[in-house]
Amino acid sequence: MRVLFLAAALFAAAPAVAQTPAASLTLVDPATVPARPVIIDGARWSCEGAACTASGAGAEQPATRACRRVVQRLGAVSAFTYKGVALTDAQIAACNA
């Protein structure tokens, strides 16, 4: 009975975990927002205004590299978080360079 209860609890929690964004960013210029979602390194980026979030696992890479790859496609960012790692101001400046 305990196993069944535990399995039910894990199954119920799975959708909440799946909906957590893999990454998020704020674009410097909202005019660069793509009209439709964009796939970059396996992550699906969707934007609303200057705020963008990514779903999907994405590539295994450092947050700084992921930032540079996204900036190449979407434009400069003022904030960037990738798989729980928030970039510092210095890292964001290097990413945008």
PDB file of N, CA and C in Angstrom:
ATOM      1  N   MET A   1       0.821  -1.191   0.000  1.00  0.00           N
ATOM      2  CA  MET A   1       0.000   0.000   0.000  1.00  0.00           C
ATOM      3  C   MET A   1       0.870   1.261   0.000  1.00  0.00           C
ATOM      4  N   ARG A   2       1.945   1.239   0.786  1.00  0.00           N
ATOM      5  CA  ARG A   2       2.842   2.401   0.822  1.00  0.00           C
ATOM      6  C   ARG A   2       3.466   2.661  -0.537  1.00  0.00           C
ATOM      7  N   VAL A   3       3.831   1.598  -1.245  1.00  0.00           N
ATOM      8  CA  VAL A   3       4.444   1.734  -2.548  1.00  0.00           C
ATOM      9  C   VAL A   3       3.464   2.399  -3.520  1.00  0.00           C
ATOM     10  N   LEU A   4       2.214   1.983  -3.455  1.00  0.00           N
ATOM     11  CA  LEU A   4       1.198   2.567  -4.324  1.00  0.00           C
ATOM     12  C   LEU A   4       1.022   4.059  -4.028  1.00  0.00           C
ATOM     13  N   PHE A   5       0.980   4.410  -2.742  1.00  0.00           N
ATOM     14  CA  PHE A   5       0.847   5.810  -2.348  1.00  0.00           C
ATOM     15  C   PHE A   5       2.044   6.634  -2.824  1.00  0.00           C
ATOM     16  N   LEU A   6       3.246   6.098  -2.654  1.00  0.00           N
ATOM     17  CA  LEU A   6       4.458   6.790  -3.086  1.00  0.00           C
ATOM     18  C   LEU A   6       4.465   6.975  -4.603  1.00  0.00           C
ATOM     19  N   ALA A   7       4.097   5.947  -5.330  1.00  0.00           N
ATOM     20  CA  ALA A   7       4.051   6.040  -6.787  1.00  0.00           C
ATOM     21  C   ALA A   7       3.035   7.088  -7.223  1.00  0.00           C
ATOM     22  N   ALA A   8       1.884   7.139  -6.567  1.00  0.00           N
ATOM     23  CA  ALA A   8       0.860   8.139  -6.902  1.00  0.00           C
ATOM     24  C   ALA A   8       1.361   9.549  -6.612  1.00  0.00           C
ATOM     25  N   ALA A   9       2.073   9.722  -5.508  1.00  0.00           N
ATOM     26  CA  ALA A   9       2.604  11.045  -5.156  1.00  0.00           C
ATOM     27  C   ALA A   9       3.650  11.496  -6.173  1.00  0.00           C
ATOM     28  N   LEU A  10       4.524  10.603  -6.589  1.00  0.00           N
ATOM     29  CA  LEU A  10       5.535  10.945  -7.585  1.00  0.00           C
ATOM     30  C   LEU A  10       4.909  11.251  -8.937  1.00  0.00           C
ATOM     31  N   PHE A  11       3.902  10.486  -9.301  1.00  0.00           N
ATOM     32  CA  PHE A  11       3.223  10.711 -10.577  1.00  0.00           C
ATOM     33  C   PHE A  11       2.534  12.071 -10.583  1.00  0.00           C
ATOM     34  N   ALA A  12       1.940  12.452  -9.474  1.00  0.00           N
ATOM     35  CA  ALA A  12       1.256  13.747  -9.381  1.00  0.00           C
ATOM     36  C   ALA A  12       2.250  14.901  -9.421  1.00  0.00           C
ATOM     37  N   ALA A  13       3.456  14.707  -8.905  1.00  0.00           N
ATOM     38  CA  ALA A  13       4.459  15.772  -8.878  1.00  0.00           C
ATOM     39  C   ALA A  13       5.172  15.929 -10.220  1.00  0.00           C
ATOM     40  N   ALA A  14       5.160  14.928 -11.063  1.00  0.00           N
ATOM     41  CA  ALA A  14       5.897  14.964 -12.325  1.00  0.00           C
ATOM     42  C   ALA A  14       5.505  16.126 -13.232  1.00  0.00           C
ATOM     43  N   PRO A  15       4.213  16.441 -13.422  1.00  0.00           N
ATOM     44  CA  PRO A  15       3.885  17.568 -14.296  1.00  0.00           C
ATOM     45  C   PRO A  15       4.444  18.893 -13.790  1.00  0.00           C
ATOM     46  N   ALA A  16       4.493  19.101 -12.503  1.00  0.00           N
ATOM     47  CA  ALA A  16       5.024  20.352 -11.957  1.00  0.00           C
ATOM     48  C   ALA A  16       6.512  20.477 -12.285  1.00  0.00           C
ATOM     49  N   VAL A  17       7.235  19.390 -12.209  1.00  0.00           N
ATOM     50  CA  VAL A  17       8.656  19.402 -12.532  1.00  0.00           C
ATOM     51  C   VAL A  17       8.854  19.649 -14.022  1.00  0.00           C
ATOM     52  N   ALA A  18       8.031  19.039 -14.848  1.00  0.00           N
ATOM     53  CA  ALA A  18       8.172  19.168 -16.293  1.00  0.00           C
ATOM     54  C   ALA A  18       7.885  20.585 -16.767  1.00  0.00           C
ATOM     55  N   GLN A  19       7.097  21.348 -16.012  1.00  0.00           N
ATOM     56  CA  GLN A  19       6.732  22.687 -16.439  1.00  0.00           C
ATOM     57  C   GLN A  19       7.734  23.748 -15.996  1.00  0.00           C
ATOM     58  N   THR A  20       8.711  23.396 -15.195  1.00  0.00           N
ATOM     59  CA  THR A  20       9.709  24.349 -14.742  1.00  0.00           C
ATOM     60  C   THR A  20      10.603  24.725 -15.918  1.00  0.00           C
ATOM     61  N   PRO A  21      10.770  26.032 -16.191  1.00  0.00           N
ATOM     62  CA  PRO A  21      11.617  26.416 -17.319  1.00  0.00           C
ATOM     63  C   PRO A  21      13.070  25.992 -17.108  1.00  0.00           C
ATOM     64  N   ALA A  22      13.706  25.532 -18.173  1.00  0.00           N
ATOM     65  CA  ALA A  22      15.117  25.147 -18.111  1.00  0.00           C
ATOM     66  C   ALA A  22      15.998  26.377 -18.037  1.00  0.00           C
ATOM     67  N   ALA A  23      15.497  27.491 -18.587  1.00  0.00           N
ATOM     68  CA  ALA A  23      16.276  28.730 -18.616  1.00  0.00           C
ATOM     69  C   ALA A  23      15.333  29.909 -18.778  1.00  0.00           C
ATOM     70  N   SER A  24      15.838  31.069 -18.429  1.00  0.00           N
ATOM     71  CA  SER A  24      15.071  32.295 -18.631  1.00  0.00           C
ATOM     72  C   SER A  24      16.030  33.441 -18.901  1.00  0.00           C
ATOM     73  N   LEU A  25      15.506  34.467 -19.554  1.00  0.00           N
ATOM     74  CA  LEU A  25      16.336  35.636 -19.855  1.00  0.00           C
ATOM     75  C   LEU A  25      15.451  36.854 -20.021  1.00  0.00           C
ATOM     76  N   THR A  26      16.091  38.005 -19.981  1.00  0.00           N
ATOM     77  CA  THR A  26      15.437  39.273 -20.295  1.00  0.00           C
ATOM     78  C   THR A  26      16.233  39.916 -21.417  1.00  0.00           C
ATOM     79  N   LEU A  27      15.556  40.213 -22.508  1.00  0.00           N
ATOM     80  CA  LEU A  27      16.210  40.848 -23.650  1.00  0.00           C
ATOM     81  C   LEU A  27      16.377  42.342 -23.407  1.00  0.00           C
ATOM     82  N   VAL A  28      17.483  42.886 -23.868  1.00  0.00           N
ATOM     83  CA  VAL A  28      17.731  44.320 -23.769  1.00  0.00           C
ATOM     84  C   VAL A  28      16.756  45.070 -24.676  1.00  0.00           C
ATOM     85  N   ASP A  29      16.552  44.560 -25.893  1.00  0.00           N
ATOM     86  CA  ASP A  29      15.684  45.203 -26.875  1.00  0.00           C
ATOM     87  C   ASP A  29      14.516  44.275 -27.212  1.00  0.00           C
ATOM     88  N   PRO A  30      13.328  44.538 -26.658  1.00  0.00           N
ATOM     89  CA  PRO A  30      12.184  43.667 -26.935  1.00  0.00           C
ATOM     90  C   PRO A  30      11.814  43.597 -28.424  1.00  0.00           C
ATOM     91  N   ALA A  31      12.304  44.525 -29.223  1.00  0.00           N
ATOM     92  CA  ALA A  31      12.016  44.491 -30.661  1.00  0.00           C
ATOM     93  C   ALA A  31      12.658  43.287 -31.333  1.00  0.00           C
ATOM     94  N   THR A  32      13.640  42.652 -30.696  1.00  0.00           N
ATOM     95  CA  THR A  32      14.307  41.491 -31.292  1.00  0.00           C
ATOM     96  C   THR A  32      13.593  40.176 -30.981  1.00  0.00           C
ATOM     97  N   VAL A  33      12.470  40.241 -30.260  1.00  0.00           N
ATOM     98  CA  VAL A  33      11.733  39.034 -29.884  1.00  0.00           C
ATOM     99  C   VAL A  33      11.198  38.351 -31.143  1.00  0.00           C
ATOM    100  N   PRO A  34      11.463  37.052 -31.291  1.00  0.00           N
ATOM    101  CA  PRO A  34      10.933  36.337 -32.456  1.00  0.00           C
ATOM    102  C   PRO A  34       9.412  36.177 -32.342  1.00  0.00           C
ATOM    103  N   ALA A  35       8.731  36.148 -33.479  1.00  0.00           N
ATOM    104  CA  ALA A  35       7.279  36.006 -33.495  1.00  0.00           C
ATOM    105  C   ALA A  35       6.838  34.615 -33.033  1.00  0.00           C
ATOM    106  N   ARG A  36       7.662  33.608 -33.290  1.00  0.00           N
ATOM    107  CA  ARG A  36       7.328  32.231 -32.918  1.00  0.00           C
ATOM    108  C   ARG A  36       8.445  31.656 -32.058  1.00  0.00           C
ATOM    109  N   PRO A  37       8.172  30.581 -31.319  1.00  0.00           N
ATOM    110  CA  PRO A  37       9.227  29.952 -30.522  1.00  0.00           C
ATOM    111  C   PRO A  37      10.413  29.538 -31.395  1.00  0.00           C
ATOM    112  N   VAL A  38      11.604  29.552 -30.793  1.00  0.00           N
ATOM    113  CA  VAL A  38      12.848  29.240 -31.489  1.00  0.00           C
ATOM    114  C   VAL A  38      13.536  28.099 -30.746  1.00  0.00           C
ATOM    115  N   ILE A  39      14.056  27.136 -31.484  1.00  0.00           N
ATOM    116  CA  ILE A  39      14.818  26.034 -30.893  1.00  0.00           C
ATOM    117  C   ILE A  39      16.293  26.394 -30.969  1.00  0.00           C
ATOM    118  N   ILE A  40      16.956  26.431 -29.809  1.00  0.00           N
ATOM    119  CA  ILE A  40      18.390  26.703 -29.747  1.00  0.00           C
ATOM    120  C   ILE A  40      19.022  25.622 -28.878  1.00  0.00           C
ATOM    121  N   ASP A  41      19.917  24.848 -29.454  1.00  0.00           N
ATOM    122  CA  ASP A  41      20.610  23.766 -28.746  1.00  0.00           C
ATOM    123  C   ASP A  41      19.645  22.830 -28.016  1.00  0.00           C
ATOM    124  N   GLY A  42      18.531  22.524 -28.652  1.00  0.00           N
ATOM    125  CA  GLY A  42      17.582  21.569 -28.095  1.00  0.00           C
ATOM    126  C   GLY A  42      16.574  22.139 -27.119  1.00  0.00           C
ATOM    127  N   ALA A  43      16.661  23.405 -26.795  1.00  0.00           N
ATOM    128  CA  ALA A  43      15.695  24.047 -25.897  1.00  0.00           C
ATOM    129  C   ALA A  43      14.759  24.920 -26.729  1.00  0.00           C
ATOM    130  N   ARG A  44      13.492  24.930 -26.374  1.00  0.00           N
ATOM    131  CA  ARG A  44      12.474  25.714 -27.094  1.00  0.00           C
ATOM    132  C   ARG A  44      12.264  27.029 -26.354  1.00  0.00           C
ATOM    133  N   TRP A  45      12.698  28.134 -26.963  1.00  0.00           N
ATOM    134  CA  TRP A  45      12.599  29.461 -26.367  1.00  0.00           C
ATOM    135  C   TRP A  45      11.318  30.139 -26.833  1.00  0.00           C
ATOM    136  N   SER A  46      10.532  30.621 -25.859  1.00  0.00           N
ATOM    137  CA  SER A  46       9.312  31.376 -26.130  1.00  0.00           C
ATOM    138  C   SER A  46       9.420  32.702 -25.395  1.00  0.00           C
ATOM    139  N   CYS A  47       9.002  33.773 -26.042  1.00  0.00           N
ATOM    140  CA  CYS A  47       9.132  35.113 -25.452  1.00  0.00           C
ATOM    141  C   CYS A  47       7.784  35.811 -25.382  1.00  0.00           C
ATOM    142  N   GLU A  48       7.643  36.605 -24.351  1.00  0.00           N
ATOM    143  CA  GLU A  48       6.494  37.493 -24.206  1.00  0.00           C
ATOM    144  C   GLU A  48       7.058  38.820 -23.725  1.00  0.00           C
ATOM    145  N   GLY A  49       6.988  39.824 -24.576  1.00  0.00           N
ATOM    146  CA  GLY A  49       7.675  41.074 -24.261  1.00  0.00           C
ATOM    147  C   GLY A  49       9.169  40.812 -24.282  1.00  0.00           C
ATOM    148  N   ALA A  50       9.873  41.345 -23.305  1.00  0.00           N
ATOM    149  CA  ALA A  50      11.323  41.143 -23.233  1.00  0.00           C
ATOM    150  C   ALA A  50      11.692  39.881 -22.462  1.00  0.00           C
ATOM    151  N   ALA A  51      10.711  39.225 -21.833  1.00  0.00           N
ATOM    152  CA  ALA A  51      10.975  38.031 -21.019  1.00  0.00           C
ATOM    153  C   ALA A  51      10.836  36.765 -21.853  1.00  0.00           C
ATOM    154  N   CYS A  52      11.843  35.920 -21.789  1.00  0.00           N
ATOM    155  CA  CYS A  52      11.838  34.659 -22.532  1.00  0.00           C
ATOM    156  C   CYS A  52      12.130  33.503 -21.576  1.00  0.00           C
ATOM    157  N   THR A  53      11.528  32.355 -21.862  1.00  0.00           N
ATOM    158  CA  THR A  53      11.805  31.140 -21.093  1.00  0.00           C
ATOM    159  C   THR A  53      12.048  29.999 -22.068  1.00  0.00           C
ATOM    160  N   ALA A  54      12.811  29.025 -21.601  1.00  0.00           N
ATOM    161  CA  ALA A  54      13.118  27.850 -22.415  1.00  0.00           C
ATOM    162  C   ALA A  54      12.552  26.614 -21.749  1.00  0.00           C
ATOM    163  N   SER A  55      11.999  25.732 -22.560  1.00  0.00           N
ATOM    164  CA  SER A  55      11.545  24.436 -22.075  1.00  0.00           C
ATOM    165  C   SER A  55      12.327  23.360 -22.807  1.00  0.00           C
ATOM    166  N   GLY A  56      12.374  22.198 -22.224  1.00  0.00           N
ATOM    167  CA  GLY A  56      13.158  21.112 -22.799  1.00  0.00           C
ATOM    168  C   GLY A  56      14.506  21.018 -22.125  1.00  0.00           C
ATOM    169  N   ALA A  57      15.156  19.908 -22.302  1.00  0.00           N
ATOM    170  CA  ALA A  57      16.423  19.662 -21.616  1.00  0.00           C
ATOM    171  C   ALA A  57      17.543  20.557 -22.110  1.00  0.00           C
ATOM    172  N   GLY A  58      17.580  20.818 -23.401  1.00  0.00           N
ATOM    173  CA  GLY A  58      18.682  21.610 -23.940  1.00  0.00           C
ATOM    174  C   GLY A  58      19.986  20.840 -23.881  1.00  0.00           C
ATOM    175  N   ALA A  59      21.011  21.433 -24.415  1.00  0.00           N
ATOM    176  CA  ALA A  59      22.331  20.798 -24.457  1.00  0.00           C
ATOM    177  C   ALA A  59      23.019  20.899 -23.104  1.00  0.00           C
ATOM    178  N   GLU A  60      23.874  19.938 -22.814  1.00  0.00           N
ATOM    179  CA  GLU A  60      24.700  19.992 -21.609  1.00  0.00           C
ATOM    180  C   GLU A  60      25.883  20.898 -21.913  1.00  0.00           C
ATOM    181  N   GLN A  61      25.846  22.097 -21.369  1.00  0.00           N
ATOM    182  CA  GLN A  61      26.897  23.076 -21.596  1.00  0.00           C
ATOM    183  C   GLN A  61      26.887  24.082 -20.453  1.00  0.00           C
ATOM    184  N   PRO A  62      27.979  24.778 -20.249  1.00  0.00           N
ATOM    185  CA  PRO A  62      28.005  25.804 -19.207  1.00  0.00           C
ATOM    186  C   PRO A  62      27.009  26.918 -19.522  1.00  0.00           C
ATOM    187  N   ALA A  63      26.513  27.579 -18.481  1.00  0.00           N
ATOM    188  CA  ALA A  63      25.536  28.661 -18.648  1.00  0.00           C
ATOM    189  C   ALA A  63      26.094  29.782 -19.518  1.00  0.00           C
ATOM    190  N   THR A  64      27.401  30.066 -19.404  1.00  0.00           N
ATOM    191  CA  THR A  64      27.989  31.146 -20.197  1.00  0.00           C
ATOM    192  C   THR A  64      27.949  30.830 -21.693  1.00  0.00           C
ATOM    193  N   ARG A  65      28.190  29.589 -22.047  1.00  0.00           N
ATOM    194  CA  ARG A  65      28.125  29.195 -23.466  1.00  0.00           C
ATOM    195  C   ARG A  65      26.686  29.222 -23.949  1.00  0.00           C
ATOM    196  N   ALA A  66      25.765  28.727 -23.141  1.00  0.00           N
ATOM    197  CA  ALA A  66      24.349  28.758 -23.512  1.00  0.00           C
ATOM    198  C   ALA A  66      23.903  30.196 -23.754  1.00  0.00           C
ATOM    199  N   CYS A  67      24.362  31.118 -22.922  1.00  0.00           N
ATOM    200  CA  CYS A  67      24.026  32.530 -23.087  1.00  0.00           C
ATOM    201  C   CYS A  67      24.528  33.053 -24.432  1.00  0.00           C
ATOM    202  N   ARG A  68      25.758  32.777 -24.760  1.00  0.00           N
ATOM    203  CA  ARG A  68      26.316  33.252 -26.031  1.00  0.00           C
ATOM    204  C   ARG A  68      25.535  32.698 -27.224  1.00  0.00           C
ATOM    205  N   ARG A  69      25.139  31.435 -27.151  1.00  0.00           N
ATOM    206  CA  ARG A  69      24.390  30.818 -28.243  1.00  0.00           C
ATOM    207  C   ARG A  69      23.023  31.487 -28.411  1.00  0.00           C
ATOM    208  N   VAL A  70      22.384  31.820 -27.295  1.00  0.00           N
ATOM    209  CA  VAL A  70      21.072  32.460 -27.353  1.00  0.00           C
ATOM    210  C   VAL A  70      21.206  33.898 -27.853  1.00  0.00           C
ATOM    211  N   VAL A  71      22.208  34.608 -27.393  1.00  0.00           N
ATOM    212  CA  VAL A  71      22.424  35.999 -27.817  1.00  0.00           C
ATOM    213  C   VAL A  71      22.653  36.065 -29.329  1.00  0.00           C
ATOM    214  N   GLN A  72      23.318  35.078 -29.896  1.00  0.00           N
ATOM    215  CA  GLN A  72      23.535  35.042 -31.343  1.00  0.00           C
ATOM    216  C   GLN A  72      22.220  35.059 -32.116  1.00  0.00           C
ATOM    217  N   ARG A  73      21.189  34.432 -31.557  1.00  0.00           N
ATOM    218  CA  ARG A  73      19.899  34.313 -32.252  1.00  0.00           C
ATOM    219  C   ARG A  73      18.871  35.355 -31.830  1.00  0.00           C
ATOM    220  N   LEU A  74      18.866  35.735 -30.534  1.00  0.00           N
ATOM    221  CA  LEU A  74      17.803  36.601 -30.024  1.00  0.00           C
ATOM    222  C   LEU A  74      18.233  38.030 -29.734  1.00  0.00           C
ATOM    223  N   GLY A  75      19.527  38.266 -29.581  1.00  0.00           N
ATOM    224  CA  GLY A  75      20.001  39.608 -29.266  1.00  0.00           C
ATOM    225  C   GLY A  75      20.488  39.704 -27.829  1.00  0.00           C
ATOM    226  N   ALA A  76      20.997  40.881 -27.468  1.00  0.00           N
ATOM    227  CA  ALA A  76      21.615  41.104 -26.153  1.00  0.00           C
ATOM    228  C   ALA A  76      20.615  40.882 -25.018  1.00  0.00           C
ATOM    229  N   VAL A  77      21.154  40.409 -23.880  1.00  0.00           N
ATOM    230  CA  VAL A  77      20.333  40.137 -22.698  1.00  0.00           C
ATOM    231  C   VAL A  77      20.795  40.999 -21.524  1.00  0.00           C
ATOM    232  N   SER A  78      19.866  41.252 -20.610  1.00  0.00           N
ATOM    233  CA  SER A  78      20.214  41.969 -19.381  1.00  0.00           C
ATOM    234  C   SER A  78      20.184  41.039 -18.177  1.00  0.00           C
ATOM    235  N   ALA A  79      19.609  39.843 -18.349  1.00  0.00           N
ATOM    236  CA  ALA A  79      19.594  38.814 -17.301  1.00  0.00           C
ATOM    237  C   ALA A  79      19.534  37.456 -17.995  1.00  0.00           C
ATOM    238  N   PHE A  80      20.188  36.448 -17.395  1.00  0.00           N
ATOM    239  CA  PHE A  80      20.201  35.109 -17.989  1.00  0.00           C
ATOM    240  C   PHE A  80      20.379  34.078 -16.886  1.00  0.00           C
ATOM    241  N   THR A  81      19.475  33.105 -16.847  1.00  0.00           N
ATOM    242  CA  THR A  81      19.550  31.979 -15.905  1.00  0.00           C
ATOM    243  C   THR A  81      19.429  30.699 -16.715  1.00  0.00           C
ATOM    244  N   TYR A  82      20.334  29.746 -16.463  1.00  0.00           N
ATOM    245  CA  TYR A  82      20.359  28.492 -17.214  1.00  0.00           C
ATOM    246  C   TYR A  82      20.515  27.331 -16.246  1.00  0.00           C
ATOM    247  N   LYS A  83      19.500  26.469 -16.210  1.00  0.00           N
ATOM    248  CA  LYS A  83      19.508  25.279 -15.349  1.00  0.00           C
ATOM    249  C   LYS A  83      19.874  25.637 -13.913  1.00  0.00           C
ATOM    250  N   GLY A  84      19.279  26.713 -13.402  1.00  0.00           N
ATOM    251  CA  GLY A  84      19.474  27.120 -12.018  1.00  0.00           C
ATOM    252  C   GLY A  84      20.671  28.012 -11.758  1.00  0.00           C
ATOM    253  N   VAL A  85      21.458  28.315 -12.786  1.00  0.00           N
ATOM    254  CA  VAL A  85      22.649  29.162 -12.628  1.00  0.00           C
ATOM    255  C   VAL A  85      22.357  30.541 -13.208  1.00  0.00           C
ATOM    256  N   ALA A  86      22.339  31.566 -12.350  1.00  0.00           N
ATOM    257  CA  ALA A  86      22.127  32.940 -12.804  1.00  0.00           C
ATOM    258  C   ALA A  86      23.484  33.578 -13.082  1.00  0.00           C
ATOM    259  N   LEU A  87      23.627  34.171 -14.258  1.00  0.00           N
ATOM    260  CA  LEU A  87      24.892  34.809 -14.614  1.00  0.00           C
ATOM    261  C   LEU A  87      25.048  36.145 -13.880  1.00  0.00           C
ATOM    262  N   THR A  88      26.291  36.479 -13.559  1.00  0.00           N
ATOM    263  CA  THR A  88      26.601  37.749 -12.932  1.00  0.00           C
ATOM    264  C   THR A  88      26.595  38.856 -13.997  1.00  0.00           C
ATOM    265  N   ASP A  89      26.651  40.101 -13.548  1.00  0.00           N
ATOM    266  CA  ASP A  89      26.698  41.226 -14.494  1.00  0.00           C
ATOM    267  C   ASP A  89      27.917  41.120 -15.414  1.00  0.00           C
ATOM    268  N   ALA A  90      29.055  40.724 -14.866  1.00  0.00           N
ATOM    269  CA  ALA A  90      30.277  40.583 -15.670  1.00  0.00           C
ATOM    270  C   ALA A  90      30.116  39.469 -16.705  1.00  0.00           C
ATOM    271  N   GLN A  91      29.503  38.362 -16.325  1.00  0.00           N
ATOM    272  CA  GLN A  91      29.289  37.257 -17.258  1.00  0.00           C
ATOM    273  C   GLN A  91      28.302  37.656 -18.353  1.00  0.00           C
ATOM    274  N   ILE A  92      27.282  38.427 -17.999  1.00  0.00           N
ATOM    275  CA  ILE A  92      26.314  38.895 -19.000  1.00  0.00           C
ATOM    276  C   ILE A  92      26.997  39.850 -19.976  1.00  0.00           C
ATOM    277  N   ALA A  93      27.857  40.740 -19.468  1.00  0.00           N
ATOM    278  CA  ALA A  93      28.586  41.655 -20.347  1.00  0.00           C
ATOM    279  C   ALA A  93      29.455  40.875 -21.335  1.00  0.00           C
ATOM    280  N   ALA A  94      30.113  39.825 -20.862  1.00  0.00           N
ATOM    281  CA  ALA A  94      30.947  38.994 -21.744  1.00  0.00           C
ATOM    282  C   ALA A  94      30.062  38.238 -22.740  1.00  0.00           C
ATOM    283  N   CYS A  95      28.912  37.802 -22.299  1.00  0.00           N
ATOM    284  CA  CYS A  95      27.993  37.087 -23.177  1.00  0.00           C
ATOM    285  C   CYS A  95      27.512  37.986 -24.313  1.00  0.00           C
ATOM    286  N   ASN A  96      27.232  39.238 -24.017  1.00  0.00           N
ATOM    287  CA  ASN A  96      26.728  40.177 -25.007  1.00  0.00           C
ATOM    288  C   ASN A  96      27.814  40.713 -25.943  1.00  0.00           C
ATOM    289  N   ALA A  97      29.088  40.549 -25.570  1.00  0.00           N
ATOM    290  CA  ALA A  97      30.199  41.122 -26.364  1.00  0.00           C
ATOM    291  C   ALA A  97      30.378  40.411 -27.687  1.00  0.00           C
TER     292      ALA A  97
END
